[in-house]
Amino acid sequence: MRVAFLVSQFPCISETFILDQITGLIDRGCDVEIFADIPSSDAPIHPEVDPHRLTARVHLPNLPRNPAWRPFRAMGLAAAYLPRMGWRAGRSLNVLRYGWRAASLRLFFETVACAERPPFDLIHGHFGPNGLRGLALRNIGALSGKLITTFYGYDLSEFVQRRRSNPYRKLFANGDLTLAISETMRERLIALGSDPGRVIVHRLGVNPTLFSPSRRVAGDGKIRILTIGRMVPKKGLEYGLRSVTAVAAGTPGIEYTIIGDGPLRPHLERMTGELKLRQVVRFRGWQTRPEVVSALHQADILLAPSVTSENGDQEGTPVVILEAMAAGIPVVSTLHAGIPEIVENGVSGILVAERDVAALAGALTNLMGNPELRAGMGRHGRAAITERHDIDKLNDRLMEIYREALRRRD
C-alpha cells in the first residue's frame, strides 16, 4: 500500500504523533512518502527521523522565499519537467480555482515536487490545510489516491474563525474520509458540513512502554509540578504560573518546571519575576523526547491549564496529557476541547473551568497533600492509556481504516 503523507514541516517536526504513525505504517509494510509544505526552520531535527531514514522519503517544493525569483526558477523547472508534467503544469496555475496558492506559484512548485512519483493508493493530509493541499494536488493530477484528512485542533477553531466562509466545503464534498481525534471534534466537523458517514474518530496514541511508571525516580520530599507545551496563548501558561503562586507560599519544596518554547516566553519569564517565583520556576526550553520522558518520570503532577485563546484557537488532544497518564502521573487541566474525553475528572485527574486560577490552585493543593490520591489517579490514567491510546493498537486500526477507504466506492 502506497501512502502520501502531507505534513507542514519536515524533518523538524514537533508533532510526534505523526512521526509515530509514519514509522508504524512503514513497520506494517506501507510504502510511505512525505510531502512537506515548507522546509524546516533551524529548530533541532526530531530524533526519530534519522534512525528510520525518513529524510530519504521527503519531498519539498523548491520554492524561492523571495517571490521575485519564483517566475525565473519556475521557467527553468518548466523547461525540465514540462514534457513529463504536461497539462498538470497548466492546471497548477489556475488562479480562479486555486487562488493565492496558484498566484504565488506555490502550487506549481508543489506539482513539480510530486512529479515522476508512482501512483499512490492513499493521500493522508494531517491538519485541515494539508487536506486542502491534497485535494488541489489530486485535482490537477499531481497526486493520486483516496483522500483522507485528519483534523487536530487549530484547524477547526482559529483557522475556521478567521475566514468569512467555510474553508472546507470542497474538501468535505470531495474527500473520501475524515478522521477526528475526539468525539468533540467529530461533532464539530459534522456541524461544519462533513458527512457523518465519512467521519471516524481515530484517537491520538503514545507508546506506553516508553513512559512506564516503573522508571519513576524515587521522591526526595519535594513536589514537582510539570508543564510541557509551546508557549502560545491556548496553553494557558500564565494561569498555571498564577496557580503555582497561590500554593507556593504555604508549601515549601515545590518545583515548577516548564518545558517548551514560543513567542510568549519573554512575557512568562518577566511574569515569573513579578510573581516572585524565580526560586520555584525553571524554564527548560525545547527538549528532546528522551529529555521529556525523563522529566515526566521525575514529576508528581502534570499541569495543563489550556484555554480558548482570543482568536478562537483551541487544543485538540494534548499529547503531553497522554504521555503523563502513561507515566502514571495525575493531571490537573481544564474543561477544554477534547481533554474531558481523556482525563476522567476525579479519577485520573482534576479538571476545572478555563482561566479559573483559584480552582487550579485548589486542585494542586489537593493532590500535593495526598500522595495516595496521586498514586491512585496515576494508576487509573495509565490503565486508560493502555486501553484506548496505545499507539501500536491505533496503528493497527489505522491500517483497517485505510483498507476500508480503499474498499469504498466513489
Protein backbone atom coordinates (compact mmCIF):
# COMPACT_ATOMS: atom_id res chain seq x y z
CA MET A 1 0.00 0.00 0.00
CA ARG A 2 1.48 3.34 -1.09
CA VAL A 3 0.60 6.31 1.09
CA ALA A 4 1.40 10.01 0.52
CA PHE A 5 1.64 11.82 3.87
CA LEU A 6 1.03 15.57 3.62
CA VAL A 7 2.52 17.49 6.55
CA SER A 8 3.55 21.08 7.18
CA GLN A 9 7.24 20.90 8.16
CA PHE A 10 9.80 18.16 7.90
CA PRO A 11 12.23 16.84 9.12
CA CYS A 12 11.95 19.20 12.10
CA ILE A 13 8.51 18.12 13.18
CA SER A 14 7.03 18.76 16.60
CA GLU A 15 4.02 16.51 16.14
CA THR A 16 5.48 13.24 17.44
CA PHE A 17 2.14 11.53 16.90
CA ILE A 18 2.54 12.00 13.13
CA LEU A 19 6.04 10.51 13.25
CA ASP A 20 4.70 7.58 15.25
CA GLN A 21 2.10 6.98 12.57
CA ILE A 22 4.66 7.17 9.76
CA THR A 23 7.10 4.75 11.38
CA GLY A 24 4.25 2.44 12.45
CA LEU A 25 2.91 2.26 8.90
CA ILE A 26 6.38 1.57 7.50
CA ASP A 27 6.79 -1.25 10.02
CA ARG A 28 3.49 -2.67 8.74
CA GLY A 29 4.70 -2.77 5.16
CA CYS A 30 3.37 0.53 3.80
CA ASP A 31 5.43 2.47 1.29
CA VAL A 32 5.16 5.97 2.77
CA GLU A 33 6.36 9.15 1.08
CA ILE A 34 6.23 12.50 2.86
CA PHE A 35 5.28 15.74 1.11
CA ALA A 36 6.08 18.73 3.31
CA ASP A 37 4.61 22.15 2.62
CA ILE A 38 7.67 24.13 3.69
CA PRO A 39 11.21 23.17 4.73
CA SER A 40 12.00 23.11 8.42
CA SER A 41 13.46 26.05 10.28
CA ASP A 42 16.68 25.93 12.28
CA ALA A 43 14.99 24.05 15.14
CA PRO A 44 16.55 20.68 16.07
CA ILE A 45 15.68 17.66 13.98
CA HIS A 46 13.45 15.20 15.77
CA PRO A 47 15.50 12.19 16.99
CA GLU A 48 13.09 9.70 15.39
CA VAL A 49 13.89 10.93 11.87
CA ASP A 50 17.39 9.63 11.18
CA PRO A 51 17.07 6.08 12.64
CA HIS A 52 14.14 5.44 10.29
CA ARG A 53 15.84 7.17 7.33
CA LEU A 54 12.78 9.30 6.80
CA THR A 55 14.63 12.12 5.07
CA ALA A 56 15.00 9.86 2.03
CA ARG A 57 11.20 9.75 1.81
CA VAL A 58 10.67 13.53 1.94
CA HIS A 59 9.73 15.76 -0.99
CA LEU A 60 9.84 19.56 -0.67
CA PRO A 61 8.73 22.28 -3.10
CA ASN A 62 11.84 24.09 -4.36
CA LEU A 63 10.12 27.42 -3.76
CA PRO A 64 12.28 30.57 -3.51
CA ARG A 65 11.47 32.64 -0.44
CA ASN A 66 11.77 35.81 -2.49
CA PRO A 67 8.63 35.95 -4.69
CA ALA A 68 10.53 37.94 -7.32
CA TRP A 69 12.72 34.92 -8.08
CA ARG A 70 9.87 32.44 -8.40
CA PRO A 71 8.96 33.09 -12.07
CA PHE A 72 12.58 32.64 -13.15
CA ARG A 73 13.02 29.37 -11.27
CA ALA A 74 9.60 28.22 -12.46
CA MET A 75 10.62 28.76 -16.09
CA GLY A 76 13.73 26.67 -15.56
CA LEU A 77 11.75 23.87 -13.94
CA ALA A 78 9.09 24.05 -16.65
CA ALA A 79 11.73 23.53 -19.31
CA ALA A 80 12.98 20.44 -17.48
CA TYR A 81 9.66 18.96 -16.39
CA LEU A 82 7.06 20.20 -18.88
CA PRO A 83 7.33 17.19 -21.24
CA ARG A 84 6.52 14.94 -18.28
CA MET A 85 4.10 17.25 -16.44
CA GLY A 86 2.06 18.28 -19.45
CA TRP A 87 -1.41 19.64 -18.60
CA ARG A 88 -0.75 19.35 -14.88
CA ALA A 89 1.57 22.37 -15.04
CA GLY A 90 -1.15 24.50 -16.62
CA ARG A 91 -3.77 23.43 -14.09
CA SER A 92 -1.49 24.38 -11.21
CA LEU A 93 -1.56 27.99 -12.47
CA ASN A 94 -5.37 28.30 -12.45
CA VAL A 95 -5.76 31.33 -10.20
CA LEU A 96 -9.55 31.39 -10.47
CA ARG A 97 -9.80 27.89 -8.97
CA TYR A 98 -6.80 27.75 -6.62
CA GLY A 99 -6.42 31.38 -5.58
CA TRP A 100 -3.26 32.55 -3.84
CA ARG A 101 -1.68 29.09 -3.98
CA ALA A 102 -1.66 29.29 -7.77
CA ALA A 103 -0.95 33.04 -7.98
CA SER A 104 2.11 32.70 -5.72
CA LEU A 105 3.36 29.77 -7.88
CA ARG A 106 3.41 27.59 -4.75
CA LEU A 107 1.09 25.04 -6.34
CA PHE A 108 3.32 24.84 -9.41
CA PHE A 109 6.39 24.09 -7.29
CA GLU A 110 4.41 21.54 -5.27
CA THR A 111 3.35 19.87 -8.52
CA VAL A 112 6.99 19.62 -9.59
CA ALA A 113 7.86 18.06 -6.21
CA CYS A 114 5.26 15.35 -6.94
CA ALA A 115 6.49 14.76 -10.50
CA GLU A 116 7.53 11.26 -11.51
CA ARG A 117 6.26 9.66 -8.30
CA PRO A 118 4.49 6.33 -8.86
CA PRO A 119 0.73 6.36 -8.18
CA PHE A 120 -0.44 6.30 -4.57
CA ASP A 121 -3.30 4.33 -3.09
CA LEU A 122 -3.96 6.95 -0.42
CA ILE A 123 -3.28 10.60 0.27
CA HIS A 124 -3.32 11.40 4.02
CA GLY A 125 -3.36 15.09 4.90
CA HIS A 126 -2.50 15.94 8.50
CA PHE A 127 -4.37 19.05 9.66
CA GLY A 128 -7.15 20.56 7.59
CA PRO A 129 -5.00 22.90 5.45
CA ASN A 130 -2.92 19.92 4.29
CA GLY A 131 -6.14 18.14 3.36
CA LEU A 132 -6.98 21.15 1.18
CA ARG A 133 -3.50 20.93 -0.34
CA GLY A 134 -4.02 17.24 -1.05
CA LEU A 135 -7.35 17.97 -2.73
CA ALA A 136 -5.75 20.57 -5.01
CA LEU A 137 -2.83 18.30 -5.92
CA ARG A 138 -5.21 15.43 -6.66
CA ASN A 139 -7.48 17.64 -8.75
CA ILE A 140 -4.64 18.73 -11.02
CA GLY A 141 -3.31 15.16 -11.27
CA ALA A 142 -0.08 15.67 -9.33
CA LEU A 143 -1.08 13.04 -6.74
CA SER A 144 -3.45 10.10 -6.95
CA GLY A 145 -5.38 8.03 -4.44
CA LYS A 146 -8.21 8.18 -1.93
CA LEU A 147 -8.01 11.35 0.18
CA ILE A 148 -8.11 11.16 3.99
CA THR A 149 -7.75 14.21 6.24
CA THR A 150 -7.07 14.16 9.98
CA PHE A 151 -8.13 17.23 11.98
CA TYR A 152 -6.32 18.08 15.22
CA GLY A 153 -7.39 21.36 16.79
CA TYR A 154 -6.46 24.78 15.46
CA ASP A 155 -7.67 23.72 12.01
CA LEU A 156 -11.25 23.58 13.34
CA SER A 157 -11.03 26.61 15.60
CA GLU A 158 -8.81 29.57 14.80
CA PHE A 159 -8.29 28.58 11.12
CA VAL A 160 -12.05 28.49 10.52
CA GLN A 161 -12.93 31.58 12.56
CA ARG A 162 -10.62 33.90 10.67
CA ARG A 163 -12.33 33.11 7.36
CA ARG A 164 -15.60 34.56 6.13
CA SER A 165 -16.89 31.28 4.72
CA ASN A 166 -16.41 27.57 5.37
CA PRO A 167 -12.88 26.76 4.08
CA TYR A 168 -13.58 23.01 3.99
CA ARG A 169 -16.74 22.92 1.90
CA LYS A 170 -15.00 21.42 -1.15
CA LEU A 171 -12.86 19.10 0.97
CA PHE A 172 -15.94 17.66 2.69
CA ALA A 173 -17.68 17.25 -0.68
CA ASN A 174 -14.76 15.61 -2.48
CA GLY A 175 -12.60 13.98 0.21
CA ASP A 176 -13.07 10.28 0.86
CA LEU A 177 -12.74 10.09 4.64
CA THR A 178 -12.28 12.44 7.58
CA LEU A 179 -10.61 11.49 10.86
CA ALA A 180 -11.31 13.26 14.16
CA ILE A 181 -9.15 12.76 17.24
CA SER A 182 -12.10 13.08 19.65
CA GLU A 183 -15.88 12.84 19.74
CA THR A 184 -15.99 16.57 20.39
CA MET A 185 -14.08 17.20 17.18
CA ARG A 186 -16.28 14.76 15.24
CA GLU A 187 -19.36 16.73 16.30
CA ARG A 188 -17.66 19.96 15.24
CA LEU A 189 -16.82 18.51 11.82
CA ILE A 190 -20.39 17.37 11.27
CA ALA A 191 -21.72 20.79 12.34
CA LEU A 192 -19.38 22.34 9.77
CA GLY A 193 -20.84 20.21 6.98
CA SER A 194 -18.93 16.92 6.89
CA ASP A 195 -20.96 13.80 6.05
CA PRO A 196 -21.47 11.90 9.35
CA GLY A 197 -20.96 8.62 7.49
CA ARG A 198 -17.49 9.70 6.47
CA VAL A 199 -16.20 10.95 9.84
CA ILE A 200 -14.37 8.43 12.02
CA VAL A 201 -12.90 9.04 15.47
CA HIS A 202 -9.26 7.92 15.46
CA ARG A 203 -7.59 8.98 18.69
CA LEU A 204 -4.00 10.02 19.28
CA GLY A 205 -1.68 7.48 20.85
CA VAL A 206 1.60 7.06 22.69
CA ASN A 207 3.92 4.15 23.41
CA PRO A 208 3.01 3.07 26.97
CA THR A 209 6.28 1.16 27.42
CA LEU A 210 8.28 4.34 26.82
CA PHE A 211 6.57 6.01 29.78
CA SER A 212 6.37 3.04 32.13
CA PRO A 213 5.79 4.10 35.78
CA SER A 214 8.45 1.56 36.78
CA ARG A 215 11.04 4.08 35.58
CA ARG A 216 9.88 6.76 38.00
CA VAL A 217 12.59 8.41 40.07
CA ALA A 218 12.24 7.96 43.85
CA GLY A 219 10.92 11.07 45.59
CA ASP A 220 13.08 13.32 47.77
CA GLY A 221 10.32 15.10 49.66
CA LYS A 222 9.81 17.78 47.04
CA ILE A 223 6.66 18.23 44.97
CA ARG A 224 7.48 18.55 41.27
CA ILE A 225 4.87 20.14 39.03
CA LEU A 226 5.47 19.93 35.29
CA THR A 227 4.06 21.75 32.27
CA ILE A 228 5.06 20.86 28.71
CA GLY A 229 3.93 22.79 25.66
CA ARG A 230 4.57 25.51 23.15
CA MET A 231 4.39 28.94 24.73
CA VAL A 232 1.31 30.25 22.94
CA PRO A 233 -1.96 31.65 24.37
CA LYS A 234 -4.05 28.47 24.15
CA LYS A 235 -1.70 26.65 26.53
CA GLY A 236 -2.84 28.98 29.36
CA LEU A 237 0.62 29.14 30.94
CA GLU A 238 0.02 32.46 32.68
CA TYR A 239 -2.84 30.84 34.61
CA GLY A 240 -0.53 27.98 35.51
CA LEU A 241 2.02 30.41 36.90
CA ARG A 242 -0.61 32.25 38.95
CA SER A 243 -1.98 28.99 40.36
CA VAL A 244 1.51 27.91 41.41
CA THR A 245 1.99 31.32 43.06
CA ALA A 246 -1.15 30.69 45.09
CA VAL A 247 0.15 27.39 46.50
CA ALA A 248 3.90 28.04 46.71
CA ALA A 249 3.77 30.48 49.64
CA GLY A 250 2.29 27.94 52.03
CA THR A 251 4.02 24.84 50.69
CA PRO A 252 7.82 24.73 50.78
CA GLY A 253 9.65 22.33 48.50
CA ILE A 254 7.68 23.00 45.30
CA GLU A 255 9.46 22.93 41.94
CA TYR A 256 7.60 24.01 38.82
CA THR A 257 9.30 23.06 35.54
CA ILE A 258 8.11 24.40 32.19
CA ILE A 259 9.38 22.64 29.06
CA GLY A 260 8.83 24.28 25.70
CA ASP A 261 9.46 27.48 23.83
CA GLY A 262 7.49 30.01 21.85
CA PRO A 263 6.55 33.67 21.41
CA LEU A 264 5.23 34.11 24.96
CA ARG A 265 8.43 33.01 26.70
CA PRO A 266 9.81 36.52 27.39
CA HIS A 267 6.45 37.59 28.84
CA LEU A 268 6.21 34.48 31.02
CA GLU A 269 9.77 34.90 32.30
CA ARG A 270 9.04 38.53 33.25
CA MET A 271 5.83 37.41 34.91
CA THR A 272 7.77 34.84 36.93
CA GLY A 273 9.89 37.62 38.37
CA GLU A 274 6.89 39.82 39.12
CA LEU A 275 5.23 36.94 40.96
CA LYS A 276 8.44 36.27 42.93
CA LEU A 277 8.65 32.71 41.61
CA ARG A 278 12.24 32.67 40.38
CA GLN A 279 13.25 30.22 43.11
CA VAL A 280 10.38 27.91 42.18
CA VAL A 281 10.05 28.00 38.38
CA ARG A 282 12.52 26.54 35.90
CA PHE A 283 12.24 27.25 32.17
CA ARG A 284 13.90 24.39 30.28
CA GLY A 285 13.13 25.42 26.70
CA TRP A 286 12.77 22.89 23.90
CA GLN A 287 13.71 19.34 24.92
CA THR A 288 14.29 16.10 23.03
CA ARG A 289 11.87 13.23 23.50
CA PRO A 290 14.24 11.35 25.87
CA GLU A 291 14.57 14.51 27.98
CA VAL A 292 10.78 14.90 28.10
CA VAL A 293 10.40 11.25 29.15
CA SER A 294 12.97 11.79 31.91
CA ALA A 295 11.15 14.91 33.15
CA LEU A 296 7.84 13.02 33.26
CA HIS A 297 9.41 10.24 35.32
CA GLN A 298 10.54 12.81 37.89
CA ALA A 299 7.24 14.74 38.06
CA ASP A 300 4.45 14.36 40.61
CA ILE A 301 1.73 16.36 38.83
CA LEU A 302 1.19 17.47 35.25
CA LEU A 303 -0.35 20.95 35.00
CA ALA A 304 -2.02 21.64 31.62
CA PRO A 305 -4.14 24.83 32.03
CA SER A 306 -5.40 25.01 28.41
CA VAL A 307 -7.76 27.82 27.34
CA THR A 308 -9.52 29.07 24.23
CA SER A 309 -7.39 31.98 23.02
CA GLU A 310 -8.79 35.36 21.98
CA ASN A 311 -8.54 34.44 18.29
CA GLY A 312 -10.51 31.24 18.91
CA ASP A 313 -7.56 28.84 18.81
CA GLN A 314 -8.12 25.63 20.76
CA GLU A 315 -6.37 22.41 21.61
CA GLY A 316 -7.41 19.07 20.16
CA THR A 317 -5.98 16.32 22.33
CA PRO A 318 -2.75 17.46 24.05
CA VAL A 319 -0.31 14.59 23.60
CA VAL A 320 1.55 15.58 26.76
CA ILE A 321 -1.52 14.64 28.79
CA LEU A 322 -1.47 11.18 27.21
CA GLU A 323 2.23 10.85 27.99
CA ALA A 324 1.79 11.95 31.60
CA MET A 325 -1.04 9.48 32.13
CA ALA A 326 1.05 6.72 30.56
CA ALA A 327 3.76 7.60 33.10
CA GLY A 328 1.29 7.25 35.96
CA ILE A 329 1.10 10.98 36.74
CA PRO A 330 -2.17 12.68 37.77
CA VAL A 331 -3.28 15.57 35.58
CA VAL A 332 -4.61 19.00 36.54
CA SER A 333 -6.21 20.53 33.48
CA THR A 334 -9.31 22.31 32.18
CA LEU A 335 -12.71 21.52 30.73
CA HIS A 336 -11.42 22.36 27.27
CA ALA A 337 -11.94 20.79 23.83
CA GLY A 338 -11.23 17.02 23.90
CA ILE A 339 -9.46 16.96 27.28
CA PRO A 340 -12.50 15.65 29.23
CA GLU A 341 -12.54 12.65 26.87
CA ILE A 342 -9.04 11.71 28.04
CA VAL A 343 -8.97 12.72 31.70
CA GLU A 344 -11.80 11.34 33.80
CA ASN A 345 -12.44 14.08 36.33
CA GLY A 346 -11.79 12.88 39.87
CA VAL A 347 -10.46 9.54 38.63
CA SER A 348 -7.30 10.12 36.56
CA GLY A 349 -7.02 13.84 37.23
CA ILE A 350 -8.83 17.02 38.18
CA LEU A 351 -10.49 19.28 35.60
CA VAL A 352 -11.60 22.85 36.26
CA ALA A 353 -13.04 25.72 34.25
CA GLU A 354 -10.72 27.60 31.91
CA ARG A 355 -8.87 30.57 33.47
CA ASP A 356 -10.02 29.68 37.00
CA VAL A 357 -6.79 30.25 38.92
CA ALA A 358 -8.38 29.55 42.32
CA ALA A 359 -9.73 26.20 41.11
CA LEU A 360 -6.37 25.24 39.58
CA ALA A 361 -4.66 26.12 42.86
CA GLY A 362 -7.22 24.10 44.81
CA ALA A 363 -6.64 21.06 42.60
CA LEU A 364 -2.87 21.35 43.05
CA THR A 365 -3.23 21.71 46.82
CA ASN A 366 -5.48 18.65 46.99
CA LEU A 367 -3.01 16.48 45.08
CA MET A 368 0.13 17.83 46.75
CA GLY A 369 -1.20 16.94 50.19
CA ASN A 370 -2.38 13.45 49.26
CA PRO A 371 0.24 11.08 47.83
CA GLU A 372 -2.22 8.17 47.87
CA LEU A 373 -4.65 10.16 45.72
CA ARG A 374 -1.84 10.95 43.29
CA ALA A 375 -0.86 7.28 43.07
CA GLY A 376 -4.44 6.13 42.57
CA MET A 377 -5.13 8.68 39.82
CA GLY A 378 -1.85 7.72 38.19
CA ARG A 379 -2.88 4.05 38.06
CA HIS A 380 -6.26 4.88 36.56
CA GLY A 381 -4.65 7.16 33.98
CA ARG A 382 -2.14 4.51 32.98
CA ALA A 383 -4.93 1.94 32.54
CA ALA A 384 -6.90 4.34 30.32
CA ILE A 385 -3.90 4.93 28.07
CA THR A 386 -3.10 1.24 27.60
CA GLU A 387 -6.74 0.56 26.78
CA ARG A 388 -7.56 3.43 24.41
CA HIS A 389 -4.38 5.26 23.39
CA ASP A 390 -1.72 2.61 22.75
CA ILE A 391 -0.05 3.74 19.51
CA ASP A 392 0.62 0.16 18.39
CA LYS A 393 -3.07 -0.74 18.61
CA LEU A 394 -4.04 2.54 16.98
CA ASN A 395 -1.68 1.97 14.06
CA ASP A 396 -3.30 -1.42 13.52
CA ARG A 397 -6.64 0.38 13.50
CA LEU A 398 -5.30 2.97 11.04
CA MET A 399 -4.40 0.18 8.64
CA GLU A 400 -8.00 -1.06 8.90
CA ILE A 401 -9.24 2.48 8.18
CA TYR A 402 -7.01 2.63 5.12
CA ARG A 403 -8.36 -0.69 3.83
CA GLU A 404 -11.89 0.50 4.48
CA ALA A 405 -11.24 3.68 2.49
CA LEU A 406 -9.88 1.65 -0.44
CA ARG A 407 -12.96 -0.59 -0.40
CA ARG A 408 -15.35 2.36 -0.56
CA ARG A 409 -16.77 3.20 -3.94
CA ASP A 410 -16.59 6.78 -5.16
